[in-house]
Amino acid sequence: MAISRDHELHKRRFGRNLGVGLALVAFIALVFVLTIAKVQRGGTIQAYDHTYRPALDPAVNAEREQGE
């Protein structure tokens, strides 16, 4: 009995593991591309940290437009 002989189960597991690995790499690449696109677009990068942001308040924006 050879120790290095692979069983058919090992071949199926390798195929599944390869598929999961490729899906993981694709997901990581997608997140990376979306991050790069967001950073390159510029603009203001604001996080949602549960604080008041005047830039999102319609009343403040209306006052600014009337003042111009």
PDB file of N, CA and C in Angstrom:
ATOM      1  N   MET A   1       0.849  -1.182   0.000  1.00  0.00           N
ATOM      2  CA  MET A   1       0.000   0.000   0.000  1.00  0.00           C
ATOM      3  C   MET A   1       0.894   1.244   0.000  1.00  0.00           C
ATOM      4  N   ALA A   2       0.791   2.037  -1.002  1.00  0.00           N
ATOM      5  CA  ALA A   2       1.602   3.241  -1.120  1.00  0.00           C
ATOM      6  C   ALA A   2       0.980   4.379  -0.319  1.00  0.00           C
ATOM      7  N   ILE A   3       1.803   5.121   0.372  1.00  0.00           N
ATOM      8  CA  ILE A   3       1.322   6.229   1.191  1.00  0.00           C
ATOM      9  C   ILE A   3       0.938   7.419   0.316  1.00  0.00           C
ATOM     10  N   SER A   4       1.606   7.627  -0.778  1.00  0.00           N
ATOM     11  CA  SER A   4       1.374   8.799  -1.622  1.00  0.00           C
ATOM     12  C   SER A   4       0.176   8.652  -2.556  1.00  0.00           C
ATOM     13  N   ARG A   5      -0.467   7.509  -2.550  1.00  0.00           N
ATOM     14  CA  ARG A   5      -1.594   7.291  -3.448  1.00  0.00           C
ATOM     15  C   ARG A   5      -2.800   8.110  -2.988  1.00  0.00           C
ATOM     16  N   ASP A   6      -3.359   8.906  -3.894  1.00  0.00           N
ATOM     17  CA  ASP A   6      -4.501   9.750  -3.553  1.00  0.00           C
ATOM     18  C   ASP A   6      -5.806   9.009  -3.770  1.00  0.00           C
ATOM     19  N   HIS A   7      -6.696   9.220  -2.889  1.00  0.00           N
ATOM     20  CA  HIS A   7      -8.030   8.647  -3.014  1.00  0.00           C
ATOM     21  C   HIS A   7      -8.884   9.597  -3.853  1.00  0.00           C
ATOM     22  N   GLU A   8      -9.966   9.093  -4.408  1.00  0.00           N
ATOM     23  CA  GLU A   8     -10.855   9.907  -5.230  1.00  0.00           C
ATOM     24  C   GLU A   8     -11.459  11.054  -4.416  1.00  0.00           C
ATOM     25  N   LEU A   9     -11.641  10.851  -3.128  1.00  0.00           N
ATOM     26  CA  LEU A   9     -12.179  11.887  -2.245  1.00  0.00           C
ATOM     27  C   LEU A   9     -11.256  13.099  -2.186  1.00  0.00           C
ATOM     28  N   HIS A  10      -9.950  12.849  -2.199  1.00  0.00           N
ATOM     29  CA  HIS A  10      -8.992  13.956  -2.152  1.00  0.00           C
ATOM     30  C   HIS A  10      -9.070  14.817  -3.409  1.00  0.00           C
ATOM     31  N   LYS A  11      -9.304  14.171  -4.542  1.00  0.00           N
ATOM     32  CA  LYS A  11      -9.421  14.921  -5.792  1.00  0.00           C
ATOM     33  C   LYS A  11     -10.669  15.797  -5.789  1.00  0.00           C
ATOM     34  N   ARG A  12     -11.776  15.284  -5.257  1.00  0.00           N
ATOM     35  CA  ARG A  12     -12.999  16.095  -5.181  1.00  0.00           C
ATOM     36  C   ARG A  12     -12.823  17.254  -4.215  1.00  0.00           C
ATOM     37  N   ARG A  13     -12.186  17.005  -3.081  1.00  0.00           N
ATOM     38  CA  ARG A  13     -11.943  18.083  -2.111  1.00  0.00           C
ATOM     39  C   ARG A  13     -11.059  19.168  -2.717  1.00  0.00           C
ATOM     40  N   PHE A  14     -10.038  18.742  -3.463  1.00  0.00           N
ATOM     41  CA  PHE A  14      -9.152  19.727  -4.086  1.00  0.00           C
ATOM     42  C   PHE A  14      -9.929  20.607  -5.059  1.00  0.00           C
ATOM     43  N   GLY A  15     -10.841  20.013  -5.813  1.00  0.00           N
ATOM     44  CA  GLY A  15     -11.651  20.788  -6.747  1.00  0.00           C
ATOM     45  C   GLY A  15     -12.527  21.801  -6.028  1.00  0.00           C
ATOM     46  N   ARG A  16     -13.152  21.373  -4.931  1.00  0.00           N
ATOM     47  CA  ARG A  16     -13.979  22.308  -4.142  1.00  0.00           C
ATOM     48  C   ARG A  16     -13.127  23.395  -3.517  1.00  0.00           C
ATOM     49  N   ASN A  17     -11.980  23.003  -2.960  1.00  0.00           N
ATOM     50  CA  ASN A  17     -11.098  23.990  -2.332  1.00  0.00           C
ATOM     51  C   ASN A  17     -10.595  25.006  -3.356  1.00  0.00           C
ATOM     52  N   LEU A  18     -10.309  24.535  -4.538  1.00  0.00           N
ATOM     53  CA  LEU A  18      -9.868  25.445  -5.594  1.00  0.00           C
ATOM     54  C   LEU A  18     -10.982  26.420  -5.958  1.00  0.00           C
ATOM     55  N   GLY A  19     -12.204  25.942  -6.062  1.00  0.00           N
ATOM     56  CA  GLY A  19     -13.339  26.813  -6.368  1.00  0.00           C
ATOM     57  C   GLY A  19     -13.571  27.860  -5.290  1.00  0.00           C
ATOM     58  N   VAL A  20     -13.508  27.445  -4.028  1.00  0.00           N
ATOM     59  CA  VAL A  20     -13.687  28.391  -2.924  1.00  0.00           C
ATOM     60  C   VAL A  20     -12.550  29.400  -2.908  1.00  0.00           C
ATOM     61  N   GLY A  21     -11.342  28.944  -3.168  1.00  0.00           N
ATOM     62  CA  GLY A  21     -10.192  29.854  -3.211  1.00  0.00           C
ATOM     63  C   GLY A  21     -10.319  30.888  -4.321  1.00  0.00           C
ATOM     64  N   LEU A  22     -10.757  30.446  -5.488  1.00  0.00           N
ATOM     65  CA  LEU A  22     -10.936  31.387  -6.603  1.00  0.00           C
ATOM     66  C   LEU A  22     -12.059  32.386  -6.319  1.00  0.00           C
ATOM     67  N   ALA A  23     -13.130  31.913  -5.679  1.00  0.00           N
ATOM     68  CA  ALA A  23     -14.219  32.828  -5.320  1.00  0.00           C
ATOM     69  C   ALA A  23     -13.743  33.860  -4.307  1.00  0.00           C
ATOM     70  N   LEU A  24     -12.917  33.438  -3.364  1.00  0.00           N
ATOM     71  CA  LEU A  24     -12.377  34.365  -2.374  1.00  0.00           C
ATOM     72  C   LEU A  24     -11.460  35.398  -3.023  1.00  0.00           C
ATOM     73  N   VAL A  25     -10.619  34.961  -3.924  1.00  0.00           N
ATOM     74  CA  VAL A  25      -9.729  35.886  -4.631  1.00  0.00           C
ATOM     75  C   VAL A  25     -10.540  36.875  -5.469  1.00  0.00           C
ATOM     76  N   ALA A  26     -11.608  36.409  -6.107  1.00  0.00           N
ATOM     77  CA  ALA A  26     -12.457  37.300  -6.906  1.00  0.00           C
ATOM     78  C   ALA A  26     -13.145  38.334  -6.018  1.00  0.00           C
ATOM     79  N   PHE A  27     -13.609  37.925  -4.846  1.00  0.00           N
ATOM     80  CA  PHE A  27     -14.248  38.866  -3.928  1.00  0.00           C
ATOM     81  C   PHE A  27     -13.259  39.914  -3.438  1.00  0.00           C
ATOM     82  N   ILE A  28     -12.060  39.489  -3.087  1.00  0.00           N
ATOM     83  CA  ILE A  28     -11.037  40.433  -2.631  1.00  0.00           C
ATOM     84  C   ILE A  28     -10.687  41.411  -3.746  1.00  0.00           C
ATOM     85  N   ALA A  29     -10.574  40.920  -4.978  1.00  0.00           N
ATOM     86  CA  ALA A  29     -10.274  41.798  -6.117  1.00  0.00           C
ATOM     87  C   ALA A  29     -11.403  42.805  -6.338  1.00  0.00           C
ATOM     88  N   LEU A  30     -12.646  42.369  -6.196  1.00  0.00           N
ATOM     89  CA  LEU A  30     -13.787  43.268  -6.362  1.00  0.00           C
ATOM     90  C   LEU A  30     -13.769  44.374  -5.313  1.00  0.00           C
ATOM     91  N   VAL A  31     -13.531  44.026  -4.071  1.00  0.00           N
ATOM     92  CA  VAL A  31     -13.468  45.034  -3.005  1.00  0.00           C
ATOM     93  C   VAL A  31     -12.310  45.997  -3.254  1.00  0.00           C
ATOM     94  N   PHE A  32     -11.180  45.488  -3.696  1.00  0.00           N
ATOM     95  CA  PHE A  32     -10.026  46.338  -3.978  1.00  0.00           C
ATOM     96  C   PHE A  32     -10.323  47.316  -5.107  1.00  0.00           C
ATOM     97  N   VAL A  33     -10.930  46.827  -6.189  1.00  0.00           N
ATOM     98  CA  VAL A  33     -11.248  47.693  -7.338  1.00  0.00           C
ATOM     99  C   VAL A  33     -12.254  48.765  -6.931  1.00  0.00           C
ATOM    100  N   LEU A  34     -13.272  48.397  -6.166  1.00  0.00           N
ATOM    101  CA  LEU A  34     -14.244  49.398  -5.723  1.00  0.00           C
ATOM    102  C   LEU A  34     -13.605  50.436  -4.814  1.00  0.00           C
ATOM    103  N   THR A  35     -12.683  50.019  -3.972  1.00  0.00           N
ATOM    104  CA  THR A  35     -11.982  50.962  -3.098  1.00  0.00           C
ATOM    105  C   THR A  35     -11.142  51.927  -3.919  1.00  0.00           C
ATOM    106  N   ILE A  36     -10.410  51.418  -4.876  1.00  0.00           N
ATOM    107  CA  ILE A  36      -9.579  52.274  -5.735  1.00  0.00           C
ATOM    108  C   ILE A  36     -10.457  53.251  -6.507  1.00  0.00           C
ATOM    109  N   ALA A  37     -11.580  52.801  -7.014  1.00  0.00           N
ATOM    110  CA  ALA A  37     -12.470  53.683  -7.766  1.00  0.00           C
ATOM    111  C   ALA A  37     -13.013  54.795  -6.878  1.00  0.00           C
ATOM    112  N   LYS A  38     -13.353  54.479  -5.648  1.00  0.00           N
ATOM    113  CA  LYS A  38     -13.882  55.495  -4.743  1.00  0.00           C
ATOM    114  C   LYS A  38     -12.809  56.514  -4.374  1.00  0.00           C
ATOM    115  N   VAL A  39     -11.596  56.056  -4.151  1.00  0.00           N
ATOM    116  CA  VAL A  39     -10.513  56.966  -3.773  1.00  0.00           C
ATOM    117  C   VAL A  39     -10.119  57.849  -4.956  1.00  0.00           C
ATOM    118  N   GLN A  40     -10.062  57.292  -6.153  1.00  0.00           N
ATOM    119  CA  GLN A  40      -9.654  58.074  -7.320  1.00  0.00           C
ATOM    120  C   GLN A  40     -10.691  59.111  -7.713  1.00  0.00           C
ATOM    121  N   ARG A  41     -11.944  58.855  -7.391  1.00  0.00           N
ATOM    122  CA  ARG A  41     -13.002  59.800  -7.771  1.00  0.00           C
ATOM    123  C   ARG A  41     -12.825  61.131  -7.051  1.00  0.00           C
ATOM    124  N   GLY A  42     -12.133  61.108  -5.931  1.00  0.00           N
ATOM    125  CA  GLY A  42     -11.900  62.335  -5.181  1.00  0.00           C
ATOM    126  C   GLY A  42     -13.108  62.698  -4.356  1.00  0.00           C
ATOM    127  N   GLY A  43     -13.386  63.969  -4.253  1.00  0.00           N
ATOM    128  CA  GLY A  43     -14.525  64.414  -3.464  1.00  0.00           C
ATOM    129  C   GLY A  43     -14.277  64.215  -1.983  1.00  0.00           C
ATOM    130  N   THR A  44     -15.333  64.417  -1.229  1.00  0.00           N
ATOM    131  CA  THR A  44     -15.198  64.253   0.210  1.00  0.00           C
ATOM    132  C   THR A  44     -15.546  62.820   0.582  1.00  0.00           C
ATOM    133  N   ILE A  45     -14.692  62.253   1.378  1.00  0.00           N
ATOM    134  CA  ILE A  45     -14.929  60.905   1.870  1.00  0.00           C
ATOM    135  C   ILE A  45     -15.378  61.052   3.316  1.00  0.00           C
ATOM    136  N   GLN A  46     -16.670  60.914   3.539  1.00  0.00           N
ATOM    137  CA  GLN A  46     -17.229  61.089   4.867  1.00  0.00           C
ATOM    138  C   GLN A  46     -17.769  59.761   5.358  1.00  0.00           C
ATOM    139  N   ALA A  47     -17.484  59.483   6.615  1.00  0.00           N
ATOM    140  CA  ALA A  47     -17.994  58.249   7.212  1.00  0.00           C
ATOM    141  C   ALA A  47     -19.303  58.542   7.931  1.00  0.00           C
ATOM    142  N   TYR A  48     -20.096  57.530   8.108  1.00  0.00           N
ATOM    143  CA  TYR A  48     -21.351  57.660   8.832  1.00  0.00           C
ATOM    144  C   TYR A  48     -21.081  57.366  10.304  1.00  0.00           C
ATOM    145  N   ASP A  49     -20.696  58.397  11.042  1.00  0.00           N
ATOM    146  CA  ASP A  49     -20.317  58.212  12.438  1.00  0.00           C
ATOM    147  C   ASP A  49     -21.371  58.772  13.393  1.00  0.00           C
ATOM    148  N   HIS A  50     -22.602  58.876  12.947  1.00  0.00           N
ATOM    149  CA  HIS A  50     -23.733  59.306  13.768  1.00  0.00           C
ATOM    150  C   HIS A  50     -23.533  60.692  14.366  1.00  0.00           C
ATOM    151  N   THR A  51     -23.005  61.597  13.587  1.00  0.00           N
ATOM    152  CA  THR A  51     -22.872  62.985  14.010  1.00  0.00           C
ATOM    153  C   THR A  51     -23.578  63.867  12.983  1.00  0.00           C
ATOM    154  N   TYR A  52     -23.886  65.077  13.396  1.00  0.00           N
ATOM    155  CA  TYR A  52     -24.563  66.030  12.516  1.00  0.00           C
ATOM    156  C   TYR A  52     -23.587  66.526  11.459  1.00  0.00           C
ATOM    157  N   ARG A  53     -24.007  66.437  10.193  1.00  0.00           N
ATOM    158  CA  ARG A  53     -23.193  66.939   9.091  1.00  0.00           C
ATOM    159  C   ARG A  53     -24.014  67.968   8.334  1.00  0.00           C
ATOM    160  N   PRO A  54     -23.658  69.229   8.435  1.00  0.00           N
ATOM    161  CA  PRO A  54     -24.435  70.278   7.767  1.00  0.00           C
ATOM    162  C   PRO A  54     -24.521  70.098   6.256  1.00  0.00           C
ATOM    163  N   ALA A  55     -23.561  69.433   5.656  1.00  0.00           N
ATOM    164  CA  ALA A  55     -23.569  69.254   4.202  1.00  0.00           C
ATOM    165  C   ALA A  55     -24.762  68.412   3.740  1.00  0.00           C
ATOM    166  N   LEU A  56     -25.323  67.615   4.631  1.00  0.00           N
ATOM    167  CA  LEU A  56     -26.455  66.775   4.259  1.00  0.00           C
ATOM    168  C   LEU A  56     -27.801  67.355   4.671  1.00  0.00           C
ATOM    169  N   ASP A  57     -27.802  68.495   5.339  1.00  0.00           N
ATOM    170  CA  ASP A  57     -29.045  69.091   5.828  1.00  0.00           C
ATOM    171  C   ASP A  57     -29.665  69.953   4.722  1.00  0.00           C
ATOM    172  N   PRO A  58     -30.875  69.631   4.264  1.00  0.00           N
ATOM    173  CA  PRO A  58     -31.501  70.408   3.184  1.00  0.00           C
ATOM    174  C   PRO A  58     -31.758  71.865   3.574  1.00  0.00           C
ATOM    175  N   ALA A  59     -32.062  72.139   4.849  1.00  0.00           N
ATOM    176  CA  ALA A  59     -32.319  73.513   5.281  1.00  0.00           C
ATOM    177  C   ALA A  59     -31.053  74.364   5.169  1.00  0.00           C
ATOM    178  N   VAL A  60     -29.922  73.804   5.549  1.00  0.00           N
ATOM    179  CA  VAL A  60     -28.657  74.539   5.467  1.00  0.00           C
ATOM    180  C   VAL A  60     -28.298  74.780   4.004  1.00  0.00           C
ATOM    181  N   ASN A  61     -28.507  73.787   3.156  1.00  0.00           N
ATOM    182  CA  ASN A  61     -28.211  73.960   1.728  1.00  0.00           C
ATOM    183  C   ASN A  61     -29.118  75.010   1.098  1.00  0.00           C
ATOM    184  N   ALA A  62     -30.386  75.064   1.506  1.00  0.00           N
ATOM    185  CA  ALA A  62     -31.309  76.063   0.971  1.00  0.00           C
ATOM    186  C   ALA A  62     -30.873  77.465   1.388  1.00  0.00           C
ATOM    187  N   GLU A  63     -30.428  77.620   2.617  1.00  0.00           N
ATOM    188  CA  GLU A  63     -29.946  78.928   3.093  1.00  0.00           C
ATOM    189  C   GLU A  63     -28.715  79.356   2.315  1.00  0.00           C
ATOM    190  N   ARG A  64     -27.837  78.424   2.034  1.00  0.00           N
ATOM    191  CA  ARG A  64     -26.625  78.747   1.275  1.00  0.00           C
ATOM    192  C   ARG A  64     -26.980  79.207  -0.138  1.00  0.00           C
ATOM    193  N   GLU A  65     -27.942  78.520  -0.749  1.00  0.00           N
ATOM    194  CA  GLU A  65     -28.322  78.888  -2.122  1.00  0.00           C
ATOM    195  C   GLU A  65     -28.987  80.256  -2.159  1.00  0.00           C
ATOM    196  N   GLN A  66     -29.772  80.607  -1.139  1.00  0.00           N
ATOM    197  CA  GLN A  66     -30.432  81.921  -1.102  1.00  0.00           C
ATOM    198  C   GLN A  66     -29.421  83.023  -0.857  1.00  0.00           C
ATOM    199  N   GLY A  67     -28.375  82.715  -0.107  1.00  0.00           N
ATOM    200  CA  GLY A  67     -27.370  83.724   0.224  1.00  0.00           C
ATOM    201  C   GLY A  67     -26.451  84.042  -0.938  1.00  0.00           C
ATOM    202  N   GLU A  68     -26.389  83.190  -1.910  1.00  0.00           N
ATOM    203  CA  GLU A  68     -25.481  83.431  -3.052  1.00  0.00           C
ATOM    204  C   GLU A  68     -26.040  84.335  -4.076  1.00  0.00           C
TER     205      GLU A  68
END
